[in-house]
N, C-alpha and C. Protein backbone atom coordinates (compact mmCIF):
# COMPACT_ATOMS: atom_id res chain seq x y z
N MET A 1 24.54 -52.69 -28.05
CA MET A 1 23.69 -53.60 -27.29
C MET A 1 23.02 -54.45 -27.73
N GLY A 2 22.01 -55.15 -27.43
CA GLY A 2 21.53 -56.02 -28.22
C GLY A 2 20.19 -55.97 -27.51
N LEU A 3 19.19 -56.54 -28.46
CA LEU A 3 17.68 -56.28 -28.18
C LEU A 3 17.30 -56.85 -27.21
N THR A 4 16.61 -56.32 -26.59
CA THR A 4 16.18 -57.17 -25.45
C THR A 4 14.79 -57.63 -26.16
N LYS A 5 13.91 -58.66 -24.91
CA LYS A 5 13.18 -59.76 -26.25
C LYS A 5 11.85 -58.98 -26.59
N SER A 6 11.56 -57.93 -25.38
CA SER A 6 10.59 -56.68 -25.78
C SER A 6 10.13 -56.31 -26.67
N ASP A 7 11.77 -55.86 -27.57
CA ASP A 7 11.96 -54.88 -28.96
C ASP A 7 11.64 -56.00 -29.81
N LEU A 8 11.79 -57.38 -29.84
CA LEU A 8 11.06 -58.22 -31.11
C LEU A 8 9.71 -58.58 -31.03
N PHE A 9 8.76 -57.17 -30.37
CA PHE A 9 7.00 -57.23 -30.10
C PHE A 9 6.79 -56.03 -30.89
N SER A 10 5.36 -56.05 -30.96
CA SER A 10 4.95 -54.22 -31.39
C SER A 10 4.24 -53.80 -30.37
N THR A 11 4.42 -52.68 -29.91
CA THR A 11 4.08 -52.35 -28.64
C THR A 11 2.51 -52.33 -28.31
N GLU A 12 1.88 -52.51 -29.17
CA GLU A 12 0.47 -53.20 -28.81
C GLU A 12 0.74 -54.50 -28.34
N GLN A 13 1.48 -55.64 -28.76
CA GLN A 13 1.97 -56.84 -28.11
C GLN A 13 2.24 -56.81 -26.32
N ASN A 14 3.22 -55.21 -26.34
CA ASN A 14 4.04 -55.48 -25.38
C ASN A 14 2.62 -55.29 -23.96
N GLU A 15 2.20 -54.10 -24.32
CA GLU A 15 1.02 -53.59 -23.68
C GLU A 15 -0.09 -54.73 -23.25
N LEU A 16 -0.37 -55.48 -24.41
CA LEU A 16 -1.18 -56.73 -24.17
C LEU A 16 -0.62 -57.69 -23.12
N ALA A 17 0.52 -57.70 -23.05
CA ALA A 17 0.82 -58.98 -22.00
C ALA A 17 1.39 -58.39 -20.49
N LEU A 18 1.05 -57.14 -20.82
CA LEU A 18 1.29 -56.37 -19.33
C LEU A 18 0.27 -56.44 -18.99
N VAL A 19 -0.77 -56.29 -19.48
CA VAL A 19 -2.13 -56.43 -19.34
C VAL A 19 -2.24 -57.77 -18.35
N ALA A 20 -2.62 -58.71 -19.48
CA ALA A 20 -2.99 -60.30 -19.13
C ALA A 20 -1.92 -60.25 -17.68
N LYS A 21 -0.43 -59.95 -17.59
CA LYS A 21 0.09 -60.60 -16.32
C LYS A 21 -0.89 -59.72 -15.16
N ALA A 22 -0.98 -58.82 -15.21
CA ALA A 22 -1.75 -57.89 -13.88
C ALA A 22 -2.68 -58.92 -13.92
N PHE A 23 -3.41 -59.16 -14.80
CA PHE A 23 -5.08 -60.50 -14.07
C PHE A 23 -4.47 -61.48 -13.89
N ALA A 24 -2.94 -62.44 -13.87
CA ALA A 24 -2.72 -63.30 -13.77
C ALA A 24 -2.72 -63.68 -12.87
N HIS A 25 -2.52 -62.85 -11.88
CA HIS A 25 -2.61 -63.43 -10.31
C HIS A 25 -3.92 -62.95 -9.70
N PRO A 26 -4.74 -64.32 -9.20
CA PRO A 26 -5.98 -64.41 -8.44
C PRO A 26 -6.37 -63.27 -7.65
N ALA A 27 -5.12 -62.93 -6.64
CA ALA A 27 -5.60 -61.86 -5.73
C ALA A 27 -5.61 -60.54 -6.61
N ARG A 28 -5.30 -60.30 -7.62
CA ARG A 28 -5.18 -59.08 -8.42
C ARG A 28 -7.24 -58.99 -9.20
N VAL A 29 -7.32 -60.46 -9.21
CA VAL A 29 -8.16 -61.11 -9.97
C VAL A 29 -9.51 -60.32 -8.94
N ALA A 30 -9.17 -60.50 -7.90
CA ALA A 30 -9.54 -60.41 -6.64
C ALA A 30 -10.39 -59.28 -6.59
N ILE A 31 -8.99 -58.47 -6.66
CA ILE A 31 -9.25 -56.73 -6.35
C ILE A 31 -9.79 -56.38 -7.07
N ILE A 32 -10.06 -56.91 -8.01
CA ILE A 32 -10.39 -55.91 -9.45
C ILE A 32 -12.05 -56.29 -9.65
N HIS A 33 -12.36 -57.56 -9.56
CA HIS A 33 -14.06 -57.87 -8.36
C HIS A 33 -14.39 -57.24 -7.96
N PHE A 34 -13.48 -56.75 -6.58
CA PHE A 34 -14.42 -56.36 -5.45
C PHE A 34 -14.55 -54.55 -6.01
N LEU A 35 -13.48 -54.13 -6.59
CA LEU A 35 -13.74 -52.59 -6.86
C LEU A 35 -14.98 -52.48 -7.89
N LEU A 36 -15.07 -53.57 -8.80
CA LEU A 36 -16.52 -53.57 -9.67
C LEU A 36 -17.30 -53.69 -8.87
N LYS A 37 -17.19 -54.32 -7.52
CA LYS A 37 -18.65 -54.80 -7.24
C LYS A 37 -19.32 -53.43 -5.88
N THR A 38 -18.26 -52.82 -5.66
CA THR A 38 -18.35 -51.99 -4.58
C THR A 38 -17.86 -50.48 -5.47
N ASN A 39 -17.57 -50.29 -6.73
CA ASN A 39 -17.27 -49.09 -8.02
C ASN A 39 -15.98 -47.72 -6.47
N ALA A 40 -15.41 -48.73 -5.18
CA ALA A 40 -14.78 -47.90 -4.62
C ALA A 40 -13.92 -48.38 -3.22
N CYS A 41 -13.26 -48.32 -2.24
CA CYS A 41 -12.96 -49.25 -1.42
C CYS A 41 -12.03 -48.21 -0.70
N VAL A 42 -11.66 -48.81 0.43
CA VAL A 42 -10.79 -48.30 1.38
C VAL A 42 -9.52 -49.60 1.45
N ASN A 43 -8.00 -49.12 1.51
CA ASN A 43 -7.56 -50.04 1.41
C ASN A 43 -7.51 -51.63 2.31
N GLY A 44 -7.89 -50.79 4.08
CA GLY A 44 -8.42 -51.84 4.53
C GLY A 44 -9.34 -52.71 4.71
N ASP A 45 -10.23 -52.58 3.56
CA ASP A 45 -11.51 -53.28 3.36
C ASP A 45 -10.95 -54.63 2.67
N LEU A 46 -9.71 -54.32 1.55
CA LEU A 46 -9.32 -54.96 0.74
C LEU A 46 -8.69 -56.80 1.36
N VAL A 47 -8.02 -55.87 2.91
CA VAL A 47 -6.97 -56.52 3.27
C VAL A 47 -8.29 -58.00 4.29
N GLN A 48 -9.62 -57.52 4.75
CA GLN A 48 -10.22 -57.96 4.84
C GLN A 48 -10.96 -58.62 4.01
N GLU A 49 -11.25 -58.33 3.13
CA GLU A 49 -11.92 -58.82 1.80
C GLU A 49 -11.12 -60.33 1.56
N LEU A 50 -10.23 -59.88 1.04
CA LEU A 50 -8.62 -61.01 0.63
C LEU A 50 -8.33 -61.77 1.71
N GLY A 51 -8.26 -61.03 2.96
CA GLY A 51 -7.81 -62.25 3.52
C GLY A 51 -6.03 -62.41 3.73
N LEU A 52 -5.73 -61.46 3.15
CA LEU A 52 -3.90 -61.46 2.55
C LEU A 52 -3.66 -60.37 3.92
N ALA A 53 -2.05 -60.30 4.09
CA ALA A 53 -1.31 -59.39 5.07
C ALA A 53 -1.38 -57.98 4.11
N GLN A 54 -1.42 -56.76 4.70
CA GLN A 54 -1.44 -55.82 4.50
C GLN A 54 -0.60 -55.28 3.27
N PRO A 55 0.83 -55.59 3.76
CA PRO A 55 1.88 -55.29 2.67
C PRO A 55 2.14 -56.28 1.43
N THR A 56 1.23 -57.59 1.70
CA THR A 56 0.77 -58.14 0.12
C THR A 56 -0.35 -57.62 -0.52
N VAL A 57 -1.56 -56.90 -0.10
CA VAL A 57 -2.43 -56.44 -0.46
C VAL A 57 -2.23 -55.18 -1.40
N SER A 58 -1.26 -54.45 -0.65
CA SER A 58 -0.26 -53.25 -1.17
C SER A 58 0.29 -53.47 -2.21
N GLN A 59 1.23 -54.54 -2.24
CA GLN A 59 2.30 -54.86 -3.45
C GLN A 59 1.33 -55.20 -4.93
N HIS A 60 0.17 -56.07 -4.59
CA HIS A 60 -0.67 -55.86 -5.57
C HIS A 60 -1.55 -54.70 -6.00
N LEU A 61 -1.69 -53.87 -5.23
CA LEU A 61 -2.58 -52.79 -5.61
C LEU A 61 -1.62 -52.00 -5.95
N ARG A 62 -0.25 -51.73 -5.94
CA ARG A 62 0.93 -51.19 -6.61
C ARG A 62 0.43 -51.47 -7.95
N GLU A 63 0.96 -53.08 -8.00
CA GLU A 63 0.90 -53.89 -9.54
C GLU A 63 0.04 -52.97 -10.69
N LEU A 64 -1.35 -53.47 -10.07
CA LEU A 64 -2.25 -53.03 -10.79
C LEU A 64 -2.52 -51.16 -10.93
N LYS A 65 -1.89 -50.47 -10.47
CA LYS A 65 -1.74 -49.05 -9.89
C LYS A 65 -0.78 -48.67 -11.17
N ASP A 66 0.09 -49.35 -11.12
CA ASP A 66 1.19 -48.93 -12.31
C ASP A 66 1.32 -49.46 -13.73
N ILE A 67 0.02 -50.11 -13.89
CA ILE A 67 -0.17 -50.08 -15.02
C ILE A 67 -1.65 -49.66 -15.53
N GLY A 68 -1.99 -48.61 -14.39
CA GLY A 68 -3.39 -47.85 -14.71
C GLY A 68 -4.70 -48.60 -14.45
N ILE A 69 -4.82 -49.92 -14.27
CA ILE A 69 -6.25 -50.00 -14.15
C ILE A 69 -6.92 -49.82 -12.96
N ILE A 70 -6.49 -49.35 -11.78
CA ILE A 70 -6.97 -48.57 -10.83
C ILE A 70 -5.99 -46.95 -10.70
N GLN A 71 -6.81 -46.47 -9.96
CA GLN A 71 -6.82 -44.76 -9.31
C GLN A 71 -6.86 -45.11 -7.84
N GLY A 72 -6.07 -44.09 -7.20
CA GLY A 72 -6.26 -44.06 -6.03
C GLY A 72 -6.39 -42.85 -5.26
N THR A 73 -7.02 -42.34 -4.34
CA THR A 73 -6.78 -41.10 -3.51
C THR A 73 -7.01 -41.26 -2.31
N ILE A 74 -5.99 -40.29 -1.83
CA ILE A 74 -5.08 -40.34 -0.50
C ILE A 74 -6.51 -39.27 0.24
N GLU A 75 -6.77 -39.58 1.31
CA GLU A 75 -7.63 -39.09 2.44
C GLU A 75 -6.94 -39.05 3.91
N GLY A 76 -6.53 -38.23 3.85
CA GLY A 76 -5.71 -38.74 5.27
C GLY A 76 -4.61 -39.88 5.62
N PRO A 77 -5.06 -40.61 6.35
CA PRO A 77 -4.23 -41.68 6.56
C PRO A 77 -4.97 -43.00 5.74
N ARG A 78 -5.86 -42.65 4.70
CA ARG A 78 -6.43 -43.82 4.25
C ARG A 78 -6.24 -43.47 2.24
N VAL A 79 -6.21 -44.33 1.78
CA VAL A 79 -6.33 -44.35 0.48
C VAL A 79 -7.09 -45.56 -0.51
N SER A 80 -8.27 -44.45 -1.05
CA SER A 80 -9.54 -45.27 -1.43
C SER A 80 -9.03 -45.58 -3.10
N TYR A 81 -9.56 -46.76 -3.59
CA TYR A 81 -8.76 -47.21 -4.53
C TYR A 81 -10.25 -47.53 -5.65
N CYS A 82 -10.43 -47.39 -7.14
CA CYS A 82 -11.60 -47.68 -7.95
C CYS A 82 -10.81 -47.84 -9.36
N ILE A 83 -11.22 -48.22 -10.43
CA ILE A 83 -11.19 -48.74 -11.04
C ILE A 83 -10.85 -47.35 -12.03
N ASN A 84 -9.93 -47.40 -12.77
CA ASN A 84 -9.59 -46.02 -13.92
C ASN A 84 -10.64 -46.49 -14.94
N PRO A 85 -11.48 -45.61 -15.16
CA PRO A 85 -12.91 -45.93 -16.26
C PRO A 85 -12.16 -45.69 -17.71
N VAL A 86 -11.37 -44.80 -17.88
CA VAL A 86 -10.53 -44.58 -19.10
C VAL A 86 -9.74 -45.75 -19.85
N LYS A 87 -8.64 -46.30 -18.46
CA LYS A 87 -7.21 -47.57 -18.77
C LYS A 87 -8.76 -48.52 -19.01
N TRP A 88 -9.90 -48.92 -18.35
CA TRP A 88 -10.68 -50.20 -18.22
C TRP A 88 -11.06 -50.24 -19.32
N ASN A 89 -11.58 -49.13 -20.12
CA ASN A 89 -12.46 -48.89 -21.49
C ASN A 89 -11.33 -49.54 -22.67
N GLU A 90 -10.02 -48.60 -22.45
CA GLU A 90 -8.65 -49.38 -23.53
C GLU A 90 -8.54 -50.43 -23.49
N ILE A 91 -8.53 -51.46 -22.31
CA ILE A 91 -8.56 -53.05 -22.16
C ILE A 91 -9.39 -53.67 -22.60
N LYS A 92 -10.73 -53.11 -22.50
CA LYS A 92 -11.59 -53.91 -23.44
C LYS A 92 -11.45 -53.67 -24.88
N VAL A 93 -11.03 -52.47 -25.10
CA VAL A 93 -10.98 -52.80 -26.59
C VAL A 93 -9.36 -53.38 -27.05
N MET A 94 -9.07 -53.63 -25.99
CA MET A 94 -7.38 -54.27 -26.81
C MET A 94 -7.77 -55.38 -26.45
N PHE A 95 -8.33 -56.45 -25.58
CA PHE A 95 -8.64 -57.76 -25.46
C PHE A 95 -9.54 -57.96 -26.83
N ASN A 96 -11.03 -57.05 -26.88
CA ASN A 96 -11.67 -57.37 -27.54
C ASN A 96 -11.51 -57.50 -29.24
N ASP A 97 -10.24 -56.28 -29.69
CA ASP A 97 -9.47 -56.35 -30.86
C ASP A 97 -9.26 -58.15 -31.01
N ILE A 98 -8.36 -58.54 -30.18
CA ILE A 98 -7.52 -59.75 -30.29
C ILE A 98 -8.47 -60.55 -30.61
N PHE A 99 -9.26 -60.65 -29.78
CA PHE A 99 -10.30 -61.94 -29.67
C PHE A 99 -11.48 -61.61 -30.93
N ASP A 100 -11.75 -60.79 -31.47
CA ASP A 100 -12.27 -60.43 -32.77
C ASP A 100 -11.49 -61.06 -33.67
N GLN A 101 -10.32 -61.00 -33.97
CA GLN A 101 -9.77 -61.67 -34.82
C GLN A 101 -9.83 -63.10 -35.35
N PHE A 102 -10.12 -64.36 -34.04
CA PHE A 102 -10.93 -65.11 -34.36
C PHE A 102 -12.13 -66.05 -35.08
N LYS A 103 -11.11 -66.33 -36.31
CA LYS A 103 -12.36 -67.60 -37.35
C LYS A 103 -12.92 -68.18 -36.65
N ASP A 104 -13.51 -68.99 -36.77
CA ASP A 104 -14.44 -69.77 -36.06
C ASP A 104 -14.33 -70.62 -37.07
N PRO A 105 -13.34 -71.82 -36.57
CA PRO A 105 -13.12 -73.21 -37.30
C PRO A 105 -14.30 -74.14 -38.11
N SER A 106 -15.85 -73.67 -37.58
CA SER A 106 -16.73 -74.14 -38.25
C SER A 106 -16.94 -73.47 -39.23
N LEU A 107 -16.45 -72.38 -39.93
CA LEU A 107 -17.12 -71.80 -41.00
C LEU A 107 -16.08 -71.95 -41.79
N GLY A 108 -15.11 -73.02 -41.59
CA GLY A 108 -13.98 -73.05 -42.70
C GLY A 108 -13.26 -74.41 -41.98
N SER A 109 -11.98 -74.46 -42.49
CA SER A 109 -11.28 -75.58 -42.49
C SER A 109 -10.34 -75.22 -41.11
N CYS A 110 -9.52 -75.87 -40.36
CA CYS A 110 -9.10 -75.64 -39.08
C CYS A 110 -8.15 -76.73 -39.61
N CYS A 111 -6.99 -77.04 -38.42
CA CYS A 111 -5.85 -77.63 -38.49
C CYS A 111 -6.24 -78.94 -37.65
């Protein structure tokens, strides 16, 4: 059996790509902004906030939950979501590590 394309890259590169993919849709960015602003929410609040259909919001929440950026708790018929602080800090470190590798071209030669 041949290699999948993801096998050509490191675990860190694949993880960073998955996280970047989650941030690649404006609805998911809006969800993250809303959760950061409110520090918790109910799914119905997101439908009103985003102006998207309930199934669409649920799909975006599932994408974010699948990679661990958000976590949810079920209370009766309602699900409350919030940022997962552990995963959020891991993501911060991941992006900072890659951004910190950049050498300012004004300090030396660049192409």
